[in-house]
Every structure is written in C-alpha cells, then in structure tokens.
Amino acid sequence: MAVEEVLASIVDRFNRHAARTPAVAEELDGLERTIQVRLTDAGTYAVDLAQGRLTNLRSGTAKHADVTITTDSRTFDALVKKEIGPMKALVTRKLSIDGSLEDKLLFRKLL
C-alpha cells in the first residue's frame, strides 16, 4: 500500500474513532493543528486537525506545521502495524516529534 493510502486510512480510522468516542471528541474540542509527517525516504505529507477531525491530507511541506513527525518509511510502517510503539520509536531515535509536549502526546492518539 502506498504511503498516501496508509495515511488516508489512518485519517479515516481516527475520524471514525473520534466520531463514536465522546471522550476523544471532548479532548480534541477547540484544538487546531497542522501536523506534518516527514518520511526521510518517502516524502512529506500534512494534515489538519480541526473540530475533532483530521482533514485536508496532502503531500508536500506544510506552510506552518504545529507538529512535525519525522521517521523513515520502515519505522512508519512498523508504527502503523503496531509492531513498535511510539514511545519505543522515540527512545531508540527512530522517530522524532517536533512540537509542544501536548502535541507529542497527541501523536499517540492519532495511531
């Protein structure tokens, strides 16, 4: 599956989860973020978080990213398949997240 398709499925899965889980919708209420995913060997993508939903998935660098997630495609695939957790990927330096602490914690909810 191509990176764009994987990201689109993550966006869809997240939006469905947020729609059926009031606690998630409540936690995200009022948050607006642009999240950039930089795969060092497969390109850069961005998505917006607003009104408790991820929208506007696009390829290319975001004009202003609140959060930038950087990894390689192999680690990204392992994260998506839950073969490695975000915390382990961070500790082993296979993943970096540039943003506020709140935004770093938000990343765990997106997977």
Protein backbone atom coordinates (compact mmCIF):
# COMPACT_ATOMS: atom_id res chain seq x y z
CA MET A 1 0.00 0.00 0.00
CA ALA A 2 1.34 3.44 -0.93
CA VAL A 3 2.17 5.97 1.80
CA GLU A 4 -0.75 8.21 0.77
CA GLU A 5 -3.17 5.29 1.10
CA VAL A 6 -1.82 4.37 4.53
CA LEU A 7 -2.12 7.97 5.72
CA ALA A 8 -5.65 8.22 4.29
CA SER A 9 -6.63 5.04 6.16
CA ILE A 10 -5.15 6.45 9.40
CA VAL A 11 -7.13 9.66 8.89
CA ASP A 12 -10.31 7.67 8.25
CA ARG A 13 -9.77 5.35 11.24
CA PHE A 14 -9.06 8.32 13.52
CA ASN A 15 -12.14 10.23 12.35
CA ARG A 16 -14.40 7.20 12.85
CA HIS A 17 -12.96 6.63 16.33
CA ALA A 18 -13.39 10.29 17.30
CA ALA A 19 -16.97 10.30 15.99
CA ARG A 20 -18.02 7.31 18.11
CA THR A 21 -15.97 8.14 21.23
CA PRO A 22 -17.29 11.23 23.03
CA ALA A 23 -14.23 11.42 25.32
CA VAL A 24 -11.91 11.79 22.32
CA ALA A 25 -14.12 14.42 20.72
CA GLU A 26 -14.23 16.30 24.02
CA GLU A 27 -10.45 16.14 24.46
CA LEU A 28 -9.86 17.48 20.95
CA ASP A 29 -12.53 20.18 21.17
CA GLY A 30 -11.01 23.53 20.29
CA LEU A 31 -7.66 22.12 19.14
CA GLU A 32 -6.47 23.25 15.74
CA ARG A 33 -3.17 21.91 14.50
CA THR A 34 -1.34 21.28 11.27
CA ILE A 35 0.52 18.01 11.50
CA GLN A 36 3.36 17.26 9.13
CA VAL A 37 4.68 13.74 8.57
CA ARG A 38 8.18 13.69 7.09
CA LEU A 39 9.29 10.29 5.87
CA THR A 40 13.01 10.69 5.24
CA ASP A 41 12.92 8.23 2.35
CA ALA A 42 9.37 8.69 1.04
CA GLY A 43 8.31 12.34 1.08
CA THR A 44 6.44 14.80 3.29
CA TYR A 45 2.71 14.98 3.96
CA ALA A 46 0.48 17.24 6.02
CA VAL A 47 -2.97 17.02 7.56
CA ASP A 48 -5.07 19.44 9.59
CA LEU A 49 -6.78 18.75 12.89
CA ALA A 50 -9.83 20.93 13.50
CA GLN A 51 -13.20 20.38 15.15
CA GLY A 52 -12.06 16.96 16.36
CA ARG A 53 -11.37 15.66 12.85
CA LEU A 54 -8.38 15.20 10.60
CA THR A 55 -8.91 16.84 7.21
CA ASN A 56 -7.11 18.10 4.14
CA LEU A 57 -4.50 15.34 3.79
CA ARG A 58 -1.97 16.49 1.22
CA SER A 59 1.52 15.76 0.00
CA GLY A 60 4.25 18.35 0.38
CA THR A 61 5.59 20.53 3.16
CA ALA A 62 3.07 22.46 5.25
CA LYS A 63 3.42 26.25 5.23
CA HIS A 64 3.21 26.23 9.03
CA ALA A 65 3.31 22.94 10.93
CA ASP A 66 2.49 22.85 14.63
CA VAL A 67 3.84 19.32 14.84
CA THR A 68 6.41 17.62 12.62
CA ILE A 69 6.78 13.86 12.86
CA THR A 70 9.97 12.56 11.26
CA THR A 71 10.84 8.93 10.65
CA ASP A 72 11.70 6.57 7.81
CA SER A 73 9.12 4.53 5.93
CA ARG A 74 10.16 1.28 7.59
CA THR A 75 9.57 2.66 11.10
CA PHE A 76 6.37 4.34 9.97
CA ASP A 77 5.10 1.00 8.65
CA ALA A 78 6.04 -0.70 11.94
CA LEU A 79 4.19 2.01 13.90
CA VAL A 80 1.07 1.61 11.78
CA LYS A 81 1.16 -2.18 12.17
CA LYS A 82 1.76 -1.71 15.91
CA GLU A 83 4.98 -3.74 15.69
CA ILE A 84 6.67 -0.91 17.59
CA GLY A 85 5.12 1.65 19.91
CA PRO A 86 5.60 5.40 19.55
CA MET A 87 7.48 5.65 22.85
CA LYS A 88 9.95 2.91 21.90
CA ALA A 89 10.48 4.53 18.50
CA LEU A 90 11.17 7.86 20.22
CA VAL A 91 13.57 6.39 22.76
CA THR A 92 15.50 4.48 20.08
CA ARG A 93 15.63 7.66 17.96
CA LYS A 94 13.79 6.04 15.07
CA LEU A 95 11.15 8.72 15.42
CA SER A 96 11.28 12.38 16.31
CA ILE A 97 8.42 14.73 17.02
CA ASP A 98 8.96 18.48 16.93
CA GLY A 99 6.22 20.34 18.73
CA SER A 100 4.94 21.06 22.20
CA LEU A 101 4.74 18.31 24.82
CA GLU A 102 0.95 18.37 24.47
CA ASP A 103 1.30 17.82 20.74
CA LYS A 104 3.76 14.98 21.23
CA LEU A 105 1.26 13.23 23.46
CA LEU A 106 -1.44 13.88 20.87
CA PHE A 107 0.54 11.78 18.37
CA ARG A 108 -0.15 8.63 20.38
CA LYS A 109 -3.89 9.18 19.87
CA LEU A 110 -3.51 9.51 16.12
CA LEU A 111 -2.17 5.99 15.75
